[in-house]
Every structure is written in C-alpha cells, then in structure tokens.
Amino acid sequence: MAFVGLCPGEYSSGETIRRGRITRQGNVQSRTALVEATWRVIQMDPEMKKFYQRLAAKKGGKRAIVAVARKLLHRLWTMFQSGERYQIGRAA
C-alpha cells in the first residue's frame, strides 16, 4: 500500500492517534493505473460495486474509489502471495 501511496497519514501525540488522508508519497503512475482499474472492477465485481456504493453514499465518490482501490490492492497482494486467481464476488 505504501509503494502506491494509499496508506493513511497519521498525526499522533502521546496517547492520541489521528489518521488523515492518504499520504500520496508513492508512485503516481501506479496509483493512477490502480484507480483506473478500480473503476473497471466496480463494473465487473458485484461485491466491490456494493462496497463502493455504500461508501459513496456516506463519504462521496472520490473517497470511495480510493477506498475500493486500496481494497483491490490488498486483494491483488494476497492473490499473488497465495498463487490464487482473482475471484469475482469474493467476500474478503
């Protein structure tokens, strides 16, 4: 997640922990390609579409697409580690 820049920023002091926006410290081209791929995944995968719609209603479309992109990246990372193929509609 950090390579792409989709990790939340953190502003901490003592026992107080506050998380902020994404850091944007990663690779811009990779992040852009991931967000573009996420739009396509939302059209193909009903589980991801449902997740996007739920978040978009609460937080707005831009924040929702970034959250779905982060979830997609986590799925892809897990997929590459385990050697499995992407499964449409997988709840994880």
PDB file of N, CA and C in Angstrom:
ATOM      1  N   MET A   1       0.824  -1.187   0.000  1.00  0.00           N
ATOM      2  CA  MET A   1       0.000   0.000   0.000  1.00  0.00           C
ATOM      3  C   MET A   1       0.870   1.253   0.000  1.00  0.00           C
ATOM      4  N   ALA A   2       1.972   1.202   0.711  1.00  0.00           N
ATOM      5  CA  ALA A   2       2.835   2.372   0.810  1.00  0.00           C
ATOM      6  C   ALA A   2       3.511   2.686  -0.518  1.00  0.00           C
ATOM      7  N   PHE A   3       3.847   1.675  -1.298  1.00  0.00           N
ATOM      8  CA  PHE A   3       4.501   1.906  -2.581  1.00  0.00           C
ATOM      9  C   PHE A   3       3.611   2.729  -3.511  1.00  0.00           C
ATOM     10  N   VAL A   4       2.327   2.498  -3.437  1.00  0.00           N
ATOM     11  CA  VAL A   4       1.378   3.198  -4.289  1.00  0.00           C
ATOM     12  C   VAL A   4       0.925   4.509  -3.648  1.00  0.00           C
ATOM     13  N   GLY A   5       1.091   4.655  -2.350  1.00  0.00           N
ATOM     14  CA  GLY A   5       0.697   5.884  -1.661  1.00  0.00           C
ATOM     15  C   GLY A   5      -0.734   5.871  -1.185  1.00  0.00           C
ATOM     16  N   LEU A   6      -1.265   4.700  -0.885  1.00  0.00           N
ATOM     17  CA  LEU A   6      -2.645   4.597  -0.414  1.00  0.00           C
ATOM     18  C   LEU A   6      -2.741   4.335   1.082  1.00  0.00           C
ATOM     19  N   CYS A   7      -1.683   4.620   1.812  1.00  0.00           N
ATOM     20  CA  CYS A   7      -1.707   4.487   3.264  1.00  0.00           C
ATOM     21  C   CYS A   7      -2.213   5.782   3.888  1.00  0.00           C
ATOM     22  N   PRO A   8      -3.000   5.698   4.941  1.00  0.00           N
ATOM     23  CA  PRO A   8      -3.449   6.932   5.577  1.00  0.00           C
ATOM     24  C   PRO A   8      -2.315   7.601   6.348  1.00  0.00           C
ATOM     25  N   GLY A   9      -2.313   8.917   6.341  1.00  0.00           N
ATOM     26  CA  GLY A   9      -1.346   9.657   7.149  1.00  0.00           C
ATOM     27  C   GLY A   9      -1.731   9.564   8.612  1.00  0.00           C
ATOM     28  N   GLU A  10      -0.770   9.713   9.487  1.00  0.00           N
ATOM     29  CA  GLU A  10      -1.061   9.627  10.910  1.00  0.00           C
ATOM     30  C   GLU A  10      -0.429  10.806  11.635  1.00  0.00           C
ATOM     31  N   TYR A  11      -1.231  11.446  12.469  1.00  0.00           N
ATOM     32  CA  TYR A  11      -0.785  12.571  13.270  1.00  0.00           C
ATOM     33  C   TYR A  11      -0.994  12.186  14.726  1.00  0.00           C
ATOM     34  N   SER A  12       0.079  11.787  15.392  1.00  0.00           N
ATOM     35  CA  SER A  12      -0.037  11.263  16.742  1.00  0.00           C
ATOM     36  C   SER A  12       0.753  12.109  17.727  1.00  0.00           C
ATOM     37  N   SER A  13       0.230  12.164  18.933  1.00  0.00           N
ATOM     38  CA  SER A  13       0.916  12.853  20.013  1.00  0.00           C
ATOM     39  C   SER A  13       0.497  12.185  21.316  1.00  0.00           C
ATOM     40  N   GLY A  14       1.452  11.583  21.984  1.00  0.00           N
ATOM     41  CA  GLY A  14       1.130  10.896  23.234  1.00  0.00           C
ATOM     42  C   GLY A  14       0.203   9.721  22.978  1.00  0.00           C
ATOM     43  N   GLU A  15      -0.917   9.707  23.669  1.00  0.00           N
ATOM     44  CA  GLU A  15      -1.884   8.623  23.519  1.00  0.00           C
ATOM     45  C   GLU A  15      -2.917   8.901  22.432  1.00  0.00           C
ATOM     46  N   THR A  16      -2.906  10.106  21.863  1.00  0.00           N
ATOM     47  CA  THR A  16      -3.865  10.481  20.839  1.00  0.00           C
ATOM     48  C   THR A  16      -3.358  10.045  19.466  1.00  0.00           C
ATOM     49  N   ILE A  17      -4.197   9.316  18.749  1.00  0.00           N
ATOM     50  CA  ILE A  17      -3.858   8.868  17.400  1.00  0.00           C
ATOM     51  C   ILE A  17      -4.939   9.387  16.458  1.00  0.00           C
ATOM     52  N   ARG A  18      -4.525  10.172  15.470  1.00  0.00           N
ATOM     53  CA  ARG A  18      -5.447  10.683  14.463  1.00  0.00           C
ATOM     54  C   ARG A  18      -4.944  10.267  13.096  1.00  0.00           C
ATOM     55  N   ARG A  19      -5.832   9.693  12.310  1.00  0.00           N
ATOM     56  CA  ARG A  19      -5.469   9.280  10.956  1.00  0.00           C
ATOM     57  C   ARG A  19      -6.066  10.281   9.973  1.00  0.00           C
ATOM     58  N   GLY A  20      -5.270  10.608   8.948  1.00  0.00           N
ATOM     59  CA  GLY A  20      -5.685  11.606   7.970  1.00  0.00           C
ATOM     60  C   GLY A  20      -5.863  11.034   6.589  1.00  0.00           C
ATOM     61  N   ARG A  21      -5.671  11.869   5.589  1.00  0.00           N
ATOM     62  CA  ARG A  21      -5.815  11.488   4.190  1.00  0.00           C
ATOM     63  C   ARG A  21      -4.688  10.552   3.765  1.00  0.00           C
ATOM     64  N   ILE A  22      -4.796  10.033   2.540  1.00  0.00           N
ATOM     65  CA  ILE A  22      -3.719   9.186   2.035  1.00  0.00           C
ATOM     66  C   ILE A  22      -2.458  10.028   1.884  1.00  0.00           C
ATOM     67  N   THR A  23      -1.313   9.384   1.996  1.00  0.00           N
ATOM     68  CA  THR A  23      -0.050  10.109   2.024  1.00  0.00           C
ATOM     69  C   THR A  23       0.372  10.646   0.665  1.00  0.00           C
ATOM     70  N   ARG A  24       0.008   9.983  -0.417  1.00  0.00           N
ATOM     71  CA  ARG A  24       0.400  10.342  -1.781  1.00  0.00           C
ATOM     72  C   ARG A  24       1.922  10.355  -1.960  1.00  0.00           C
ATOM     73  N   GLN A  25       2.621   9.613  -1.156  1.00  0.00           N
ATOM     74  CA  GLN A  25       4.073   9.561  -1.227  1.00  0.00           C
ATOM     75  C   GLN A  25       4.574   8.474  -2.169  1.00  0.00           C
ATOM     76  N   GLY A  26       3.672   7.700  -2.719  1.00  0.00           N
ATOM     77  CA  GLY A  26       4.080   6.581  -3.556  1.00  0.00           C
ATOM     78  C   GLY A  26       4.177   6.932  -5.022  1.00  0.00           C
ATOM     79  N   ASN A  27       4.220   5.924  -5.836  1.00  0.00           N
ATOM     80  CA  ASN A  27       4.368   6.031  -7.269  1.00  0.00           C
ATOM     81  C   ASN A  27       3.069   6.544  -7.893  1.00  0.00           C
ATOM     82  N   VAL A  28       3.130   7.707  -8.530  1.00  0.00           N
ATOM     83  CA  VAL A  28       1.938   8.347  -9.090  1.00  0.00           C
ATOM     84  C   VAL A  28       1.333   7.529 -10.219  1.00  0.00           C
ATOM     85  N   GLN A  29       2.169   7.009 -11.110  1.00  0.00           N
ATOM     86  CA  GLN A  29       1.652   6.240 -12.239  1.00  0.00           C
ATOM     87  C   GLN A  29       0.961   4.961 -11.769  1.00  0.00           C
ATOM     88  N   SER A  30       1.535   4.299 -10.772  1.00  0.00           N
ATOM     89  CA  SER A  30       0.922   3.072 -10.248  1.00  0.00           C
ATOM     90  C   SER A  30      -0.414   3.373  -9.586  1.00  0.00           C
ATOM     91  N   ARG A  31      -0.462   4.458  -8.821  1.00  0.00           N
ATOM     92  CA  ARG A  31      -1.709   4.830  -8.147  1.00  0.00           C
ATOM     93  C   ARG A  31      -2.783   5.187  -9.171  1.00  0.00           C
ATOM     94  N   THR A  32      -2.415   5.918 -10.210  1.00  0.00           N
ATOM     95  CA  THR A  32      -3.366   6.296 -11.257  1.00  0.00           C
ATOM     96  C   THR A  32      -3.897   5.060 -11.979  1.00  0.00           C
ATOM     97  N   ALA A  33      -3.007   4.149 -12.344  1.00  0.00           N
ATOM     98  CA  ALA A  33      -3.422   2.921 -13.024  1.00  0.00           C
ATOM     99  C   ALA A  33      -4.328   2.079 -12.130  1.00  0.00           C
ATOM    100  N   LEU A  34      -4.022   2.040 -10.846  1.00  0.00           N
ATOM    101  CA  LEU A  34      -4.840   1.264  -9.911  1.00  0.00           C
ATOM    102  C   LEU A  34      -6.244   1.848  -9.792  1.00  0.00           C
ATOM    103  N   VAL A  35      -6.350   3.166  -9.713  1.00  0.00           N
ATOM    104  CA  VAL A  35      -7.667   3.796  -9.612  1.00  0.00           C
ATOM    105  C   VAL A  35      -8.460   3.570 -10.901  1.00  0.00           C
ATOM    106  N   GLU A  36      -7.809   3.660 -12.047  1.00  0.00           N
ATOM    107  CA  GLU A  36      -8.490   3.390 -13.318  1.00  0.00           C
ATOM    108  C   GLU A  36      -8.966   1.938 -13.377  1.00  0.00           C
ATOM    109  N   ALA A  37      -8.137   1.016 -12.927  1.00  0.00           N
ATOM    110  CA  ALA A  37      -8.527  -0.399 -12.904  1.00  0.00           C
ATOM    111  C   ALA A  37      -9.679  -0.629 -11.935  1.00  0.00           C
ATOM    112  N   THR A  38      -9.705   0.147 -10.872  1.00  0.00           N
ATOM    113  CA  THR A  38     -10.771   0.007  -9.872  1.00  0.00           C
ATOM    114  C   THR A  38     -12.123   0.358 -10.461  1.00  0.00           C
ATOM    115  N   TRP A  39     -12.168   1.381 -11.317  1.00  0.00           N
ATOM    116  CA  TRP A  39     -13.438   1.713 -11.970  1.00  0.00           C
ATOM    117  C   TRP A  39     -13.949   0.526 -12.784  1.00  0.00           C
ATOM    118  N   ARG A  40     -13.058  -0.181 -13.433  1.00  0.00           N
ATOM    119  CA  ARG A  40     -13.455  -1.356 -14.225  1.00  0.00           C
ATOM    120  C   ARG A  40     -13.896  -2.500 -13.318  1.00  0.00           C
ATOM    121  N   VAL A  41     -13.183  -2.687 -12.217  1.00  0.00           N
ATOM    122  CA  VAL A  41     -13.536  -3.754 -11.267  1.00  0.00           C
ATOM    123  C   VAL A  41     -14.929  -3.521 -10.692  1.00  0.00           C
ATOM    124  N   ILE A  42     -15.267  -2.270 -10.441  1.00  0.00           N
ATOM    125  CA  ILE A  42     -16.593  -1.953  -9.902  1.00  0.00           C
ATOM    126  C   ILE A  42     -17.690  -2.376 -10.882  1.00  0.00           C
ATOM    127  N   GLN A  43     -17.421  -2.270 -12.162  1.00  0.00           N
ATOM    128  CA  GLN A  43     -18.406  -2.691 -13.165  1.00  0.00           C
ATOM    129  C   GLN A  43     -18.530  -4.214 -13.229  1.00  0.00           C
ATOM    130  N   MET A  44     -17.445  -4.922 -12.955  1.00  0.00           N
ATOM    131  CA  MET A  44     -17.423  -6.377 -13.140  1.00  0.00           C
ATOM    132  C   MET A  44     -17.758  -7.169 -11.871  1.00  0.00           C
ATOM    133  N   ASP A  45     -17.358  -6.664 -10.708  1.00  0.00           N
ATOM    134  CA  ASP A  45     -17.468  -7.406  -9.453  1.00  0.00           C
ATOM    135  C   ASP A  45     -18.597  -6.832  -8.598  1.00  0.00           C
ATOM    136  N   PRO A  46     -19.690  -7.567  -8.413  1.00  0.00           N
ATOM    137  CA  PRO A  46     -20.826  -7.034  -7.646  1.00  0.00           C
ATOM    138  C   PRO A  46     -20.486  -6.739  -6.181  1.00  0.00           C
ATOM    139  N   GLU A  47     -19.583  -7.504  -5.590  1.00  0.00           N
ATOM    140  CA  GLU A  47     -19.185  -7.275  -4.201  1.00  0.00           C
ATOM    141  C   GLU A  47     -18.474  -5.928  -4.053  1.00  0.00           C
ATOM    142  N   MET A  48     -17.567  -5.629  -4.977  1.00  0.00           N
ATOM    143  CA  MET A  48     -16.848  -4.355  -4.936  1.00  0.00           C
ATOM    144  C   MET A  48     -17.777  -3.185  -5.263  1.00  0.00           C
ATOM    145  N   LYS A  49     -18.726  -3.410  -6.163  1.00  0.00           N
ATOM    146  CA  LYS A  49     -19.688  -2.367  -6.510  1.00  0.00           C
ATOM    147  C   LYS A  49     -20.548  -2.005  -5.310  1.00  0.00           C
ATOM    148  N   LYS A  50     -20.966  -3.021  -4.583  1.00  0.00           N
ATOM    149  CA  LYS A  50     -21.771  -2.810  -3.383  1.00  0.00           C
ATOM    150  C   LYS A  50     -20.973  -2.033  -2.326  1.00  0.00           C
ATOM    151  N   PHE A  51     -19.706  -2.400  -2.160  1.00  0.00           N
ATOM    152  CA  PHE A  51     -18.811  -1.710  -1.227  1.00  0.00           C
ATOM    153  C   PHE A  51     -18.648  -0.251  -1.637  1.00  0.00           C
ATOM    154  N   TYR A  52     -18.427  -0.008  -2.933  1.00  0.00           N
ATOM    155  CA  TYR A  52     -18.275   1.356  -3.446  1.00  0.00           C
ATOM    156  C   TYR A  52     -19.534   2.182  -3.208  1.00  0.00           C
ATOM    157  N   GLN A  53     -20.685   1.639  -3.534  1.00  0.00           N
ATOM    158  CA  GLN A  53     -21.942   2.376  -3.394  1.00  0.00           C
ATOM    159  C   GLN A  53     -22.227   2.723  -1.938  1.00  0.00           C
ATOM    160  N   ARG A  54     -21.931   1.798  -1.036  1.00  0.00           N
ATOM    161  CA  ARG A  54     -22.137   2.063   0.387  1.00  0.00           C
ATOM    162  C   ARG A  54     -21.248   3.209   0.863  1.00  0.00           C
ATOM    163  N   LEU A  55     -19.972   3.186   0.464  1.00  0.00           N
ATOM    164  CA  LEU A  55     -19.060   4.248   0.872  1.00  0.00           C
ATOM    165  C   LEU A  55     -19.361   5.572   0.176  1.00  0.00           C
ATOM    166  N   ALA A  56     -19.735   5.517  -1.103  1.00  0.00           N
ATOM    167  CA  ALA A  56     -20.018   6.745  -1.850  1.00  0.00           C
ATOM    168  C   ALA A  56     -21.202   7.491  -1.245  1.00  0.00           C
ATOM    169  N   ALA A  57     -22.174   6.765  -0.731  1.00  0.00           N
ATOM    170  CA  ALA A  57     -23.328   7.403  -0.101  1.00  0.00           C
ATOM    171  C   ALA A  57     -22.925   8.150   1.172  1.00  0.00           C
ATOM    172  N   LYS A  58     -21.934   7.618   1.887  1.00  0.00           N
ATOM    173  CA  LYS A  58     -21.501   8.233   3.150  1.00  0.00           C
ATOM    174  C   LYS A  58     -20.409   9.275   2.958  1.00  0.00           C
ATOM    175  N   LYS A  59     -19.388   8.942   2.180  1.00  0.00           N
ATOM    176  CA  LYS A  59     -18.173   9.748   2.109  1.00  0.00           C
ATOM    177  C   LYS A  59     -17.980  10.507   0.804  1.00  0.00           C
ATOM    178  N   GLY A  60     -18.710  10.140  -0.239  1.00  0.00           N
ATOM    179  CA  GLY A  60     -18.521  10.762  -1.545  1.00  0.00           C
ATOM    180  C   GLY A  60     -17.778   9.822  -2.482  1.00  0.00           C
ATOM    181  N   GLY A  61     -17.906  10.085  -3.770  1.00  0.00           N
ATOM    182  CA  GLY A  61     -17.357   9.193  -4.779  1.00  0.00           C
ATOM    183  C   GLY A  61     -15.843   9.115  -4.799  1.00  0.00           C
ATOM    184  N   LYS A  62     -15.156  10.257  -4.621  1.00  0.00           N
ATOM    185  CA  LYS A  62     -13.699  10.253  -4.697  1.00  0.00           C
ATOM    186  C   LYS A  62     -13.081   9.453  -3.556  1.00  0.00           C
ATOM    187  N   ARG A  63     -13.567   9.663  -2.363  1.00  0.00           N
ATOM    188  CA  ARG A  63     -13.037   8.900  -1.219  1.00  0.00           C
ATOM    189  C   ARG A  63     -13.384   7.428  -1.346  1.00  0.00           C
ATOM    190  N   ALA A  64     -14.563   7.154  -1.864  1.00  0.00           N
ATOM    191  CA  ALA A  64     -14.995   5.760  -2.011  1.00  0.00           C
ATOM    192  C   ALA A  64     -14.117   5.022  -3.019  1.00  0.00           C
ATOM    193  N   ILE A  65     -13.788   5.660  -4.136  1.00  0.00           N
ATOM    194  CA  ILE A  65     -12.988   4.971  -5.152  1.00  0.00           C
ATOM    195  C   ILE A  65     -11.583   4.703  -4.629  1.00  0.00           C
ATOM    196  N   VAL A  66     -11.046   5.606  -3.820  1.00  0.00           N
ATOM    197  CA  VAL A  66      -9.721   5.383  -3.231  1.00  0.00           C
ATOM    198  C   VAL A  66      -9.776   4.217  -2.245  1.00  0.00           C
ATOM    199  N   ALA A  67     -10.853   4.136  -1.471  1.00  0.00           N
ATOM    200  CA  ALA A  67     -11.004   3.028  -0.525  1.00  0.00           C
ATOM    201  C   ALA A  67     -11.133   1.695  -1.263  1.00  0.00           C
ATOM    202  N   VAL A  68     -11.869   1.679  -2.360  1.00  0.00           N
ATOM    203  CA  VAL A  68     -12.020   0.452  -3.147  1.00  0.00           C
ATOM    204  C   VAL A  68     -10.690   0.091  -3.804  1.00  0.00           C
ATOM    205  N   ALA A  69      -9.939   1.095  -4.255  1.00  0.00           N
ATOM    206  CA  ALA A  69      -8.622   0.833  -4.848  1.00  0.00           C
ATOM    207  C   ALA A  69      -7.691   0.207  -3.817  1.00  0.00           C
ATOM    208  N   ARG A  70      -7.745   0.692  -2.595  1.00  0.00           N
ATOM    209  CA  ARG A  70      -6.915   0.129  -1.522  1.00  0.00           C
ATOM    210  C   ARG A  70      -7.319  -1.324  -1.246  1.00  0.00           C
ATOM    211  N   LYS A  71      -8.629  -1.585  -1.248  1.00  0.00           N
ATOM    212  CA  LYS A  71      -9.118  -2.944  -1.032  1.00  0.00           C
ATOM    213  C   LYS A  71      -8.707  -3.858  -2.191  1.00  0.00           C
ATOM    214  N   LEU A  72      -8.783  -3.341  -3.416  1.00  0.00           N
ATOM    215  CA  LEU A  72      -8.363  -4.112  -4.585  1.00  0.00           C
ATOM    216  C   LEU A  72      -6.876  -4.435  -4.509  1.00  0.00           C
ATOM    217  N   LEU A  73      -6.071  -3.463  -4.123  1.00  0.00           N
ATOM    218  CA  LEU A  73      -4.636  -3.694  -3.999  1.00  0.00           C
ATOM    219  C   LEU A  73      -4.337  -4.763  -2.955  1.00  0.00           C
ATOM    220  N   HIS A  74      -5.075  -4.735  -1.856  1.00  0.00           N
ATOM    221  CA  HIS A  74      -4.895  -5.769  -0.823  1.00  0.00           C
ATOM    222  C   HIS A  74      -5.268  -7.136  -1.368  1.00  0.00           C
ATOM    223  N   ARG A  75      -6.361  -7.212  -2.135  1.00  0.00           N
ATOM    224  CA  ARG A  75      -6.759  -8.485  -2.741  1.00  0.00           C
ATOM    225  C   ARG A  75      -5.699  -8.991  -3.718  1.00  0.00           C
ATOM    226  N   LEU A  76      -5.168  -8.078  -4.538  1.00  0.00           N
ATOM    227  CA  LEU A  76      -4.148  -8.472  -5.506  1.00  0.00           C
ATOM    228  C   LEU A  76      -2.885  -8.957  -4.808  1.00  0.00           C
ATOM    229  N   TRP A  77      -2.485  -8.283  -3.751  1.00  0.00           N
ATOM    230  CA  TRP A  77      -1.295  -8.690  -2.986  1.00  0.00           C
ATOM    231  C   TRP A  77      -1.498 -10.086  -2.400  1.00  0.00           C
ATOM    232  N   THR A  78      -2.654 -10.324  -1.813  1.00  0.00           N
ATOM    233  CA  THR A  78      -2.964 -11.635  -1.244  1.00  0.00           C
ATOM    234  C   THR A  78      -2.998 -12.692  -2.343  1.00  0.00           C
ATOM    235  N   MET A  79      -3.555 -12.322  -3.494  1.00  0.00           N
ATOM    236  CA  MET A  79      -3.648 -13.247  -4.623  1.00  0.00           C
ATOM    237  C   MET A  79      -2.261 -13.654  -5.105  1.00  0.00           C
ATOM    238  N   PHE A  80      -1.347 -12.692  -5.233  1.00  0.00           N
ATOM    239  CA  PHE A  80       0.000 -13.003  -5.688  1.00  0.00           C
ATOM    240  C   PHE A  80       0.773 -13.835  -4.671  1.00  0.00           C
ATOM    241  N   GLN A  81       0.566 -13.589  -3.407  1.00  0.00           N
ATOM    242  CA  GLN A  81       1.256 -14.357  -2.372  1.00  0.00           C
ATOM    243  C   GLN A  81       0.788 -15.802  -2.328  1.00  0.00           C
ATOM    244  N   SER A  82      -0.520 -16.002  -2.486  1.00  0.00           N
ATOM    245  CA  SER A  82      -1.064 -17.354  -2.385  1.00  0.00           C
ATOM    246  C   SER A  82      -1.044 -18.109  -3.713  1.00  0.00           C
ATOM    247  N   GLY A  83      -0.904 -17.396  -4.834  1.00  0.00           N
ATOM    248  CA  GLY A  83      -0.902 -18.041  -6.138  1.00  0.00           C
ATOM    249  C   GLY A  83      -2.293 -18.328  -6.674  1.00  0.00           C
ATOM    250  N   GLU A  84      -3.318 -17.779  -6.045  1.00  0.00           N
ATOM    251  CA  GLU A  84      -4.694 -17.984  -6.499  1.00  0.00           C
ATOM    252  C   GLU A  84      -5.052 -16.985  -7.585  1.00  0.00           C
ATOM    253  N   ARG A  85      -6.162 -17.241  -8.261  1.00  0.00           N
ATOM    254  CA  ARG A  85      -6.685 -16.316  -9.258  1.00  0.00           C
ATOM    255  C   ARG A  85      -7.722 -15.423  -8.597  1.00  0.00           C
ATOM    256  N   TYR A  86      -7.973 -14.256  -9.231  1.00  0.00           N
ATOM    257  CA  TYR A  86      -8.976 -13.328  -8.722  1.00  0.00           C
ATOM    258  C   TYR A  86     -10.363 -13.948  -8.882  1.00  0.00           C
ATOM    259  N   GLN A  87     -11.132 -13.920  -7.817  1.00  0.00           N
ATOM    260  CA  GLN A  87     -12.474 -14.489  -7.842  1.00  0.00           C
ATOM    261  C   GLN A  87     -13.490 -13.355  -7.718  1.00  0.00           C
ATOM    262  N   ILE A  88     -14.329 -13.225  -8.726  1.00  0.00           N
ATOM    263  CA  ILE A  88     -15.356 -12.180  -8.709  1.00  0.00           C
ATOM    264  C   ILE A  88     -16.381 -12.514  -7.646  1.00  0.00           C
ATOM    265  N   GLY A  89     -16.728 -11.501  -6.842  1.00  0.00           N
ATOM    266  CA  GLY A  89     -17.724 -11.681  -5.797  1.00  0.00           C
ATOM    267  C   GLY A  89     -17.203 -12.276  -4.514  1.00  0.00           C
ATOM    268  N   ARG A  90     -15.893 -12.426  -4.408  1.00  0.00           N
ATOM    269  CA  ARG A  90     -15.313 -12.994  -3.190  1.00  0.00           C
ATOM    270  C   ARG A  90     -15.433 -11.993  -2.055  1.00  0.00           C
ATOM    271  N   ALA A  91     -15.994 -12.393  -0.961  1.00  0.00           N
ATOM    272  CA  ALA A  91     -16.151 -11.506   0.197  1.00  0.00           C
ATOM    273  C   ALA A  91     -14.909 -11.574   1.060  1.00  0.00           C
ATOM    274  N   ALA A  92     -14.049 -10.580   0.908  1.00  0.00           N
ATOM    275  CA  ALA A  92     -12.836 -10.515   1.740  1.00  0.00           C
ATOM    276  C   ALA A  92     -12.336  -9.113   1.808  1.00  0.00           C
TER     277      ALA A  92
END
